[in-house]
Every structure is written in structure tokens, then in C-alpha cells.
């Protein structure tokens, strides 16, 4: 579902400005992970949310029905300044 060829990545890959997804394991014992979705900019992310809202809801229901996620919490959106001043900075969702 969440791997490199999973349904979420397949959906996100259709969106303009989606760059990549990163996983970080916080605790294997507690099966707690952080997921980072990296976007070219905020506008690409907003357009994705509007254009693919129904598909995201459908996948959320599928995931809930399969019991794959016990709890999901959006920590926020963060802008990364990796390119330096004046460049188009990416948007990271956590």
C-alpha cells in the first residue's frame, strides 16, 4: 500500500509537483512511522488535494477497512530551504 509501487505512491505520482515520499521508523516495537511527502511547492500540493480528494478518501477507507493504520496524525506542513534564498522551496508534509 505505501511502498515504492503501492497505491498511495501511484496516486501521488499522477499529481504535478509531487517529488517523493520518505519513511522513517520511530519505533519498530510500537510500529510507529513518520511519512514525509515532498512537493515542489505549496500550490502543487493544494491542487492535488482538490483534484484527487475523492481518490484519497477512497484509499483512506480501504486502509481503514484493512486495519493497516491504527492512527494517523498530520503534524503539519513545513517549507524546506535547501535551494538557498530566492529559490522555489519544496513543501514537506509530516
PDB file of N, CA and C in Angstrom:
ATOM      1  N   UNK A   1       0.824  -1.207   0.000  1.00  0.00           N
ATOM      2  CA  UNK A   1       0.000   0.000   0.000  1.00  0.00           C
ATOM      3  C   UNK A   1       0.864   1.266   0.000  1.00  0.00           C
ATOM      4  N   UNK A   2       1.925   1.293   0.817  1.00  0.00           N
ATOM      5  CA  UNK A   2       2.713   2.511   0.980  1.00  0.00           C
ATOM      6  C   UNK A   2       4.109   2.418   0.374  1.00  0.00           C
ATOM      7  N   UNK A   3       4.474   1.254  -0.130  1.00  0.00           N
ATOM      8  CA  UNK A   3       5.803   1.049  -0.693  1.00  0.00           C
ATOM      9  C   UNK A   3       5.990   1.761  -2.023  1.00  0.00           C
ATOM     10  N   UNK A   4       7.161   1.587  -2.623  1.00  0.00           N
ATOM     11  CA  UNK A   4       7.504   2.289  -3.862  1.00  0.00           C
ATOM     12  C   UNK A   4       6.519   2.069  -5.014  1.00  0.00           C
ATOM     13  N   UNK A   5       5.842   0.931  -5.046  1.00  0.00           N
ATOM     14  CA  UNK A   5       4.869   0.684  -6.112  1.00  0.00           C
ATOM     15  C   UNK A   5       3.451   0.561  -5.555  1.00  0.00           C
ATOM     16  N   UNK A   6       3.243   1.080  -4.347  1.00  0.00           N
ATOM     17  CA  UNK A   6       1.946   0.978  -3.689  1.00  0.00           C
ATOM     18  C   UNK A   6       0.914   1.960  -4.222  1.00  0.00           C
ATOM     19  N   UNK A   7      -0.310   1.799  -3.768  1.00  0.00           N
ATOM     20  CA  UNK A   7      -1.424   2.607  -4.255  1.00  0.00           C
ATOM     21  C   UNK A   7      -1.270   4.095  -3.957  1.00  0.00           C
ATOM     22  N   UNK A   8      -0.745   4.423  -2.772  1.00  0.00           N
ATOM     23  CA  UNK A   8      -0.572   5.845  -2.447  1.00  0.00           C
ATOM     24  C   UNK A   8       0.436   6.494  -3.379  1.00  0.00           C
ATOM     25  N   UNK A   9       1.576   5.845  -3.578  1.00  0.00           N
ATOM     26  CA  UNK A   9       2.607   6.411  -4.448  1.00  0.00           C
ATOM     27  C   UNK A   9       2.088   6.516  -5.876  1.00  0.00           C
ATOM     28  N   UNK A  10       1.327   5.522  -6.302  1.00  0.00           N
ATOM     29  CA  UNK A  10       0.735   5.554  -7.640  1.00  0.00           C
ATOM     30  C   UNK A  10      -0.187   6.767  -7.803  1.00  0.00           C
ATOM     31  N   UNK A  11      -0.997   7.035  -6.798  1.00  0.00           N
ATOM     32  CA  UNK A  11      -1.899   8.188  -6.840  1.00  0.00           C
ATOM     33  C   UNK A  11      -1.098   9.487  -6.837  1.00  0.00           C
ATOM     34  N   UNK A  12      -0.162   9.613  -5.923  1.00  0.00           N
ATOM     35  CA  UNK A  12       0.621  10.844  -5.816  1.00  0.00           C
ATOM     36  C   UNK A  12       1.424  11.095  -7.086  1.00  0.00           C
ATOM     37  N   UNK A  13       1.913  10.055  -7.729  1.00  0.00           N
ATOM     38  CA  UNK A  13       2.746  10.198  -8.925  1.00  0.00           C
ATOM     39  C   UNK A  13       1.974  10.848 -10.075  1.00  0.00           C
ATOM     40  N   UNK A  14       0.658  10.786 -10.044  1.00  0.00           N
ATOM     41  CA  UNK A  14      -0.154  11.417 -11.084  1.00  0.00           C
ATOM     42  C   UNK A  14      -0.217  12.932 -10.912  1.00  0.00           C
ATOM     43  N   UNK A  15       0.121  13.410  -9.726  1.00  0.00           N
ATOM     44  CA  UNK A  15      -0.022  14.829  -9.411  1.00  0.00           C
ATOM     45  C   UNK A  15       1.204  15.624  -9.854  1.00  0.00           C
ATOM     46  N   UNK A  16       0.954  16.761 -10.434  1.00  0.00           N
ATOM     47  CA  UNK A  16       2.041  17.649 -10.825  1.00  0.00           C
ATOM     48  C   UNK A  16       2.733  18.185  -9.567  1.00  0.00           C
ATOM     49  N   UNK A  17       4.043  18.139  -9.567  1.00  0.00           N
ATOM     50  CA  UNK A  17       4.816  18.707  -8.471  1.00  0.00           C
ATOM     51  C   UNK A  17       5.137  17.763  -7.342  1.00  0.00           C
ATOM     52  N   UNK A  18       4.637  16.522  -7.400  1.00  0.00           N
ATOM     53  CA  UNK A  18       4.987  15.554  -6.354  1.00  0.00           C
ATOM     54  C   UNK A  18       6.394  15.048  -6.622  1.00  0.00           C
ATOM     55  N   UNK A  19       7.261  15.126  -5.621  1.00  0.00           N
ATOM     56  CA  UNK A  19       8.656  14.747  -5.815  1.00  0.00           C
ATOM     57  C   UNK A  19       8.988  13.369  -5.262  1.00  0.00           C
ATOM     58  N   UNK A  20       8.636  13.106  -3.997  1.00  0.00           N
ATOM     59  CA  UNK A  20       8.981  11.802  -3.423  1.00  0.00           C
ATOM     60  C   UNK A  20       8.325  11.622  -2.061  1.00  0.00           C
ATOM     61  N   UNK A  21       8.421  10.392  -1.573  1.00  0.00           N
ATOM     62  CA  UNK A  21       7.934  10.011  -0.245  1.00  0.00           C
ATOM     63  C   UNK A  21       9.097   9.394   0.511  1.00  0.00           C
ATOM     64  N   UNK A  22       9.201   9.752   1.773  1.00  0.00           N
ATOM     65  CA  UNK A  22      10.235   9.181   2.636  1.00  0.00           C
ATOM     66  C   UNK A  22       9.578   8.623   3.890  1.00  0.00           C
ATOM     67  N   UNK A  23      10.078   7.480   4.340  1.00  0.00           N
ATOM     68  CA  UNK A  23       9.608   6.852   5.580  1.00  0.00           C
ATOM     69  C   UNK A  23      10.726   6.904   6.606  1.00  0.00           C
ATOM     70  N   UNK A  24      10.340   7.093   7.846  1.00  0.00           N
ATOM     71  CA  UNK A  24      11.279   6.978   8.960  1.00  0.00           C
ATOM     72  C   UNK A  24      10.604   6.163  10.047  1.00  0.00           C
ATOM     73  N   UNK A  25      11.312   5.173  10.511  1.00  0.00           N
ATOM     74  CA  UNK A  25      10.785   4.324  11.586  1.00  0.00           C
ATOM     75  C   UNK A  25      11.146   4.948  12.931  1.00  0.00           C
ATOM     76  N   UNK A  26      10.144   5.308  13.701  1.00  0.00           N
ATOM     77  CA  UNK A  26      10.378   5.838  15.041  1.00  0.00           C
ATOM     78  C   UNK A  26      10.577   4.711  16.035  1.00  0.00           C
ATOM     79  N   UNK A  27       9.786   3.640  15.889  1.00  0.00           N
ATOM     80  CA  UNK A  27       9.868   2.516  16.822  1.00  0.00           C
ATOM     81  C   UNK A  27       9.347   1.252  16.135  1.00  0.00           C
ATOM     82  N   UNK A  28      10.241   0.301  15.920  1.00  0.00           N
ATOM     83  CA  UNK A  28       9.802  -0.974  15.329  1.00  0.00           C
ATOM     84  C   UNK A  28       8.893  -1.722  16.292  1.00  0.00           C
ATOM     85  N   UNK A  29       9.225  -1.662  17.562  1.00  0.00           N
ATOM     86  CA  UNK A  29       8.444  -2.372  18.576  1.00  0.00           C
ATOM     87  C   UNK A  29       6.998  -1.862  18.604  1.00  0.00           C
ATOM     88  N   UNK A  30       6.827  -0.535  18.532  1.00  0.00           N
ATOM     89  CA  UNK A  30       5.497   0.059  18.573  1.00  0.00           C
ATOM     90  C   UNK A  30       4.899   0.244  17.181  1.00  0.00           C
ATOM     91  N   UNK A  31       5.677  -0.119  16.149  1.00  0.00           N
ATOM     92  CA  UNK A  31       5.246   0.015  14.754  1.00  0.00           C
ATOM     93  C   UNK A  31       4.788   1.441  14.459  1.00  0.00           C
ATOM     94  N   UNK A  32       5.651   2.396  14.813  1.00  0.00           N
ATOM     95  CA  UNK A  32       5.364   3.808  14.639  1.00  0.00           C
ATOM     96  C   UNK A  32       6.307   4.378  13.579  1.00  0.00           C
ATOM     97  N   UNK A  33       5.723   5.006  12.562  1.00  0.00           N
ATOM     98  CA  UNK A  33       6.492   5.519  11.439  1.00  0.00           C
ATOM     99  C   UNK A  33       6.131   6.967  11.153  1.00  0.00           C
ATOM    100  N   UNK A  34       7.074   7.692  10.615  1.00  0.00           N
ATOM    101  CA  UNK A  34       6.820   9.027  10.081  1.00  0.00           C
ATOM    102  C   UNK A  34       6.892   8.916   8.566  1.00  0.00           C
ATOM    103  N   UNK A  35       5.979   9.600   7.904  1.00  0.00           N
ATOM    104  CA  UNK A  35       5.948   9.611   6.439  1.00  0.00           C
ATOM    105  C   UNK A  35       6.070  11.059   5.992  1.00  0.00           C
ATOM    106  N   UNK A  36       6.978  11.292   5.075  1.00  0.00           N
ATOM    107  CA  UNK A  36       7.209  12.628   4.541  1.00  0.00           C
ATOM    108  C   UNK A  36       6.878  12.621   3.055  1.00  0.00           C
ATOM    109  N   UNK A  37       5.937  13.451   2.650  1.00  0.00           N
ATOM    110  CA  UNK A  37       5.623  13.623   1.236  1.00  0.00           C
ATOM    111  C   UNK A  37       6.210  14.959   0.810  1.00  0.00           C
ATOM    112  N   UNK A  38       7.075  14.917  -0.195  1.00  0.00           N
ATOM    113  CA  UNK A  38       7.811  16.094  -0.629  1.00  0.00           C
ATOM    114  C   UNK A  38       7.201  16.610  -1.939  1.00  0.00           C
ATOM    115  N   UNK A  39       6.838  17.882  -1.939  1.00  0.00           N
ATOM    116  CA  UNK A  39       6.214  18.531  -3.093  1.00  0.00           C
ATOM    117  C   UNK A  39       7.097  19.677  -3.574  1.00  0.00           C
ATOM    118  N   UNK A  40       7.007  19.995  -4.837  1.00  0.00           N
ATOM    119  CA  UNK A  40       7.784  21.095  -5.411  1.00  0.00           C
ATOM    120  C   UNK A  40       7.400  22.414  -4.750  1.00  0.00           C
ATOM    121  N   UNK A  41       6.106  22.607  -4.533  1.00  0.00           N
ATOM    122  CA  UNK A  41       5.660  23.836  -3.873  1.00  0.00           C
ATOM    123  C   UNK A  41       4.264  23.630  -3.287  1.00  0.00           C
ATOM    124  N   UNK A  42       3.839  24.607  -2.539  1.00  0.00           N
ATOM    125  CA  UNK A  42       2.548  24.556  -1.842  1.00  0.00           C
ATOM    126  C   UNK A  42       1.378  24.484  -2.819  1.00  0.00           C
ATOM    127  N   UNK A  43       1.480  25.178  -3.946  1.00  0.00           N
ATOM    128  CA  UNK A  43       0.382  25.222  -4.913  1.00  0.00           C
ATOM    129  C   UNK A  43       0.142  23.852  -5.536  1.00  0.00           C
ATOM    130  N   UNK A  44       1.218  23.105  -5.811  1.00  0.00           N
ATOM    131  CA  UNK A  44       1.057  21.747  -6.339  1.00  0.00           C
ATOM    132  C   UNK A  44       0.332  20.868  -5.330  1.00  0.00           C
ATOM    133  N   UNK A  45       0.680  20.995  -4.068  1.00  0.00           N
ATOM    134  CA  UNK A  45       0.030  20.207  -3.015  1.00  0.00           C
ATOM    135  C   UNK A  45      -1.449  20.566  -2.916  1.00  0.00           C
ATOM    136  N   UNK A  46      -1.770  21.852  -2.916  1.00  0.00           N
ATOM    137  CA  UNK A  46      -3.172  22.272  -2.825  1.00  0.00           C
ATOM    138  C   UNK A  46      -3.974  21.786  -4.030  1.00  0.00           C
ATOM    139  N   UNK A  47      -3.388  21.873  -5.220  1.00  0.00           N
ATOM    140  CA  UNK A  47      -4.078  21.397  -6.421  1.00  0.00           C
ATOM    141  C   UNK A  47      -4.340  19.896  -6.334  1.00  0.00           C
ATOM    142  N   UNK A  48      -3.370  19.140  -5.819  1.00  0.00           N
ATOM    143  CA  UNK A  48      -3.549  17.701  -5.632  1.00  0.00           C
ATOM    144  C   UNK A  48      -4.718  17.424  -4.693  1.00  0.00           C
ATOM    145  N   UNK A  49      -4.748  18.126  -3.562  1.00  0.00           N
ATOM    146  CA  UNK A  49      -5.825  17.914  -2.582  1.00  0.00           C
ATOM    147  C   UNK A  49      -7.194  18.160  -3.198  1.00  0.00           C
ATOM    148  N   UNK A  50      -7.308  19.167  -4.033  1.00  0.00           N
ATOM    149  CA  UNK A  50      -8.587  19.469  -4.670  1.00  0.00           C
ATOM    150  C   UNK A  50      -8.924  18.463  -5.768  1.00  0.00           C
ATOM    151  N   UNK A  51      -7.955  18.162  -6.619  1.00  0.00           N
ATOM    152  CA  UNK A  51      -8.209  17.295  -7.773  1.00  0.00           C
ATOM    153  C   UNK A  51      -8.442  15.837  -7.379  1.00  0.00           C
ATOM    154  N   UNK A  52      -7.746  15.362  -6.354  1.00  0.00           N
ATOM    155  CA  UNK A  52      -7.794  13.943  -6.004  1.00  0.00           C
ATOM    156  C   UNK A  52      -8.451  13.667  -4.647  1.00  0.00           C
ATOM    157  N   UNK A  53      -9.300  14.572  -4.187  1.00  0.00           N
ATOM    158  CA  UNK A  53      -9.943  14.417  -2.876  1.00  0.00           C
ATOM    159  C   UNK A  53     -10.720  13.101  -2.774  1.00  0.00           C
ATOM    160  N   UNK A  54     -11.491  12.762  -3.796  1.00  0.00           N
ATOM    161  CA  UNK A  54     -12.295  11.535  -3.741  1.00  0.00           C
ATOM    162  C   UNK A  54     -11.418  10.287  -3.725  1.00  0.00           C
ATOM    163  N   UNK A  55     -10.345  10.284  -4.520  1.00  0.00           N
ATOM    164  CA  UNK A  55      -9.449   9.132  -4.544  1.00  0.00           C
ATOM    165  C   UNK A  55      -8.749   8.951  -3.197  1.00  0.00           C
ATOM    166  N   UNK A  56      -8.359  10.067  -2.574  1.00  0.00           N
ATOM    167  CA  UNK A  56      -7.715   9.988  -1.256  1.00  0.00           C
ATOM    168  C   UNK A  56      -8.676   9.430  -0.210  1.00  0.00           C
ATOM    169  N   UNK A  57      -9.925   9.884  -0.249  1.00  0.00           N
ATOM    170  CA  UNK A  57     -10.931   9.373   0.684  1.00  0.00           C
ATOM    171  C   UNK A  57     -11.158   7.876   0.473  1.00  0.00           C
ATOM    172  N   UNK A  58     -11.207   7.461  -0.787  1.00  0.00           N
ATOM    173  CA  UNK A  58     -11.399   6.037  -1.099  1.00  0.00           C
ATOM    174  C   UNK A  58     -10.239   5.208  -0.543  1.00  0.00           C
ATOM    175  N   UNK A  59      -9.016   5.676  -0.735  1.00  0.00           N
ATOM    176  CA  UNK A  59      -7.856   4.950  -0.202  1.00  0.00           C
ATOM    177  C   UNK A  59      -7.850   4.950   1.320  1.00  0.00           C
ATOM    178  N   UNK A  60      -8.241   6.055   1.930  1.00  0.00           N
ATOM    179  CA  UNK A  60      -8.338   6.100   3.398  1.00  0.00           C
ATOM    180  C   UNK A  60      -9.315   5.047   3.906  1.00  0.00           C
ATOM    181  N   UNK A  61     -10.463   4.919   3.231  1.00  0.00           N
ATOM    182  CA  UNK A  61     -11.458   3.905   3.645  1.00  0.00           C
ATOM    183  C   UNK A  61     -10.906   2.495   3.452  1.00  0.00           C
ATOM    184  N   UNK A  62     -10.207   2.264   2.353  1.00  0.00           N
ATOM    185  CA  UNK A  62      -9.604   0.959   2.096  1.00  0.00           C
ATOM    186  C   UNK A  62      -8.581   0.612   3.180  1.00  0.00           C
ATOM    187  N   UNK A  63      -7.737   1.563   3.514  1.00  0.00           N
ATOM    188  CA  UNK A  63      -6.717   1.357   4.536  1.00  0.00           C
ATOM    189  C   UNK A  63      -7.365   1.079   5.888  1.00  0.00           C
ATOM    190  N   UNK A  64      -8.394   1.844   6.226  1.00  0.00           N
ATOM    191  CA  UNK A  64      -9.099   1.628   7.495  1.00  0.00           C
ATOM    192  C   UNK A  64      -9.754   0.254   7.516  1.00  0.00           C
ATOM    193  N   UNK A  65     -10.360  -0.144   6.401  1.00  0.00           N
ATOM    194  CA  UNK A  65     -11.018  -1.446   6.318  1.00  0.00           C
ATOM    195  C   UNK A  65     -10.049  -2.609   6.454  1.00  0.00           C
ATOM    196  N   UNK A  66      -8.822  -2.408   5.986  1.00  0.00           N
ATOM    197  CA  UNK A  66      -7.797  -3.456   6.073  1.00  0.00           C
ATOM    198  C   UNK A  66      -7.080  -3.448   7.423  1.00  0.00           C
ATOM    199  N   UNK A  67      -7.321  -2.421   8.231  1.00  0.00           N
ATOM    200  CA  UNK A  67      -6.651  -2.316   9.528  1.00  0.00           C
ATOM    201  C   UNK A  67      -5.159  -2.025   9.415  1.00  0.00           C
ATOM    202  N   UNK A  68      -4.750  -1.364   8.332  1.00  0.00           N
ATOM    203  CA  UNK A  68      -3.330  -1.114   8.104  1.00  0.00           C
ATOM    204  C   UNK A  68      -2.789   0.041   8.941  1.00  0.00           C
ATOM    205  N   UNK A  69      -3.641   0.984   9.280  1.00  0.00           N
ATOM    206  CA  UNK A  69      -3.226   2.111  10.104  1.00  0.00           C
ATOM    207  C   UNK A  69      -4.126   2.172  11.321  1.00  0.00           C
ATOM    208  N   UNK A  70      -3.499   2.214  12.466  1.00  0.00           N
ATOM    209  CA  UNK A  70      -4.254   2.310  13.704  1.00  0.00           C
ATOM    210  C   UNK A  70      -4.635   3.759  13.999  1.00  0.00           C
ATOM    211  N   UNK A  71      -3.683   4.673  13.749  1.00  0.00           N
ATOM    212  CA  UNK A  71      -3.931   6.085  13.995  1.00  0.00           C
ATOM    213  C   UNK A  71      -3.043   6.904  13.059  1.00  0.00           C
ATOM    214  N   UNK A  72      -3.603   7.966  12.500  1.00  0.00           N
ATOM    215  CA  UNK A  72      -2.848   8.847  11.618  1.00  0.00           C
ATOM    216  C   UNK A  72      -2.975  10.270  12.143  1.00  0.00           C
ATOM    217  N   UNK A  73      -1.856  10.984  12.165  1.00  0.00           N
ATOM    218  CA  UNK A  73      -1.850  12.339  12.680  1.00  0.00           C
ATOM    219  C   UNK A  73      -0.998  13.212  11.771  1.00  0.00           C
ATOM    220  N   UNK A  74      -1.603  14.232  11.185  1.00  0.00           N
ATOM    221  CA  UNK A  74      -0.860  15.193  10.370  1.00  0.00           C
ATOM    222  C   UNK A  74      -0.188  16.170  11.322  1.00  0.00           C
ATOM    223  N   UNK A  75       1.137  16.168  11.323  1.00  0.00           N
ATOM    224  CA  UNK A  75       1.880  17.037  12.222  1.00  0.00           C
ATOM    225  C   UNK A  75       1.967  18.461  11.694  1.00  0.00           C
ATOM    226  N   UNK A  76       1.867  18.618  10.390  1.00  0.00           N
ATOM    227  CA  UNK A  76       1.900  19.958   9.826  1.00  0.00           C
ATOM    228  C   UNK A  76       2.572  19.979   8.475  1.00  0.00           C
ATOM    229  N   UNK A  77       2.715  21.173   7.939  1.00  0.00           N
ATOM    230  CA  UNK A  77       3.417  21.363   6.683  1.00  0.00           C
ATOM    231  C   UNK A  77       4.631  22.227   6.953  1.00  0.00           C
ATOM    232  N   UNK A  78       5.732  21.894   6.298  1.00  0.00           N
ATOM    233  CA  UNK A  78       6.996  22.556   6.565  1.00  0.00           C
ATOM    234  C   UNK A  78       7.666  22.900   5.247  1.00  0.00           C
ATOM    235  N   UNK A  79       8.184  24.088   5.159  1.00  0.00           N
ATOM    236  CA  UNK A  79       8.908  24.518   3.974  1.00  0.00           C
ATOM    237  C   UNK A  79      10.394  24.320   4.208  1.00  0.00           C
ATOM    238  N   UNK A  80      11.038  23.718   3.240  1.00  0.00           N
ATOM    239  CA  UNK A  80      12.457  23.434   3.349  1.00  0.00           C
ATOM    240  C   UNK A  80      13.239  24.407   2.480  1.00  0.00           C
ATOM    241  N   UNK A  81      14.282  24.991   3.020  1.00  0.00           N
ATOM    242  CA  UNK A  81      15.111  25.941   2.290  1.00  0.00           C
ATOM    243  C   UNK A  81      16.427  25.290   1.908  1.00  0.00           C
ATOM    244  N   UNK A  82      16.353  24.309   1.003  1.00  0.00           N
ATOM    245  CA  UNK A  82      17.552  23.595   0.574  1.00  0.00           C
ATOM    246  C   UNK A  82      18.223  24.271  -0.609  1.00  0.00           C
ATOM    247  N   UNK A  83      17.460  25.083  -1.356  1.00  0.00           N
ATOM    248  CA  UNK A  83      17.982  25.675  -2.577  1.00  0.00           C
ATOM    249  C   UNK A  83      18.634  27.036  -2.349  1.00  0.00           C
ATOM    250  N   UNK A  84      18.438  27.611  -1.194  1.00  0.00           N
ATOM    251  CA  UNK A  84      19.002  28.925  -0.927  1.00  0.00           C
ATOM    252  C   UNK A  84      17.969  30.021  -1.123  1.00  0.00           C
ATOM    253  N   UNK A  85      18.323  31.228  -0.741  1.00  0.00           N
ATOM    254  CA  UNK A  85      17.380  32.348  -0.836  1.00  0.00           C
ATOM    255  C   UNK A  85      16.943  32.594  -2.279  1.00  0.00           C
ATOM    256  N   UNK A  86      15.663  32.911  -2.426  1.00  0.00           N
ATOM    257  CA  UNK A  86      15.147  33.276  -3.733  1.00  0.00           C
ATOM    258  C   UNK A  86      14.749  32.105  -4.609  1.00  0.00           C
ATOM    259  N   UNK A  87      14.990  30.890  -4.181  1.00  0.00           N
ATOM    260  CA  UNK A  87      14.633  29.721  -4.982  1.00  0.00           C
ATOM    261  C   UNK A  87      13.243  29.247  -4.593  1.00  0.00           C
ATOM    262  N   UNK A  88      12.623  28.448  -5.468  1.00  0.00           N
ATOM    263  CA  UNK A  88      11.305  27.868  -5.182  1.00  0.00           C
ATOM    264  C   UNK A  88      11.503  26.716  -4.207  1.00  0.00           C
ATOM    265  N   UNK A  89      11.106  26.895  -2.966  1.00  0.00           N
ATOM    266  CA  UNK A  89      11.339  25.895  -1.924  1.00  0.00           C
ATOM    267  C   UNK A  89      10.262  24.827  -1.938  1.00  0.00           C
ATOM    268  N   UNK A  90      10.630  23.602  -1.586  1.00  0.00           N
ATOM    269  CA  UNK A  90       9.700  22.491  -1.543  1.00  0.00           C
ATOM    270  C   UNK A  90       8.845  22.515  -0.295  1.00  0.00           C
ATOM    271  N   UNK A  91       7.765  21.805  -0.327  1.00  0.00           N
ATOM    272  CA  UNK A  91       6.850  21.684   0.798  1.00  0.00           C
ATOM    273  C   UNK A  91       6.922  20.254   1.292  1.00  0.00           C
ATOM    274  N   UNK A  92       7.161  20.102   2.575  1.00  0.00           N
ATOM    275  CA  UNK A  92       7.220  18.777   3.167  1.00  0.00           C
ATOM    276  C   UNK A  92       6.040  18.613   4.113  1.00  0.00           C
ATOM    277  N   UNK A  93       5.269  17.534   3.932  1.00  0.00           N
ATOM    278  CA  UNK A  93       4.166  17.208   4.826  1.00  0.00           C
ATOM    279  C   UNK A  93       4.609  16.132   5.776  1.00  0.00           C
ATOM    280  N   UNK A  94       4.311  16.293   7.047  1.00  0.00           N
ATOM    281  CA  UNK A  94       4.682  15.297   8.047  1.00  0.00           C
ATOM    282  C   UNK A  94       3.452  14.827   8.756  1.00  0.00           C
TER     283      UNK A  94
END
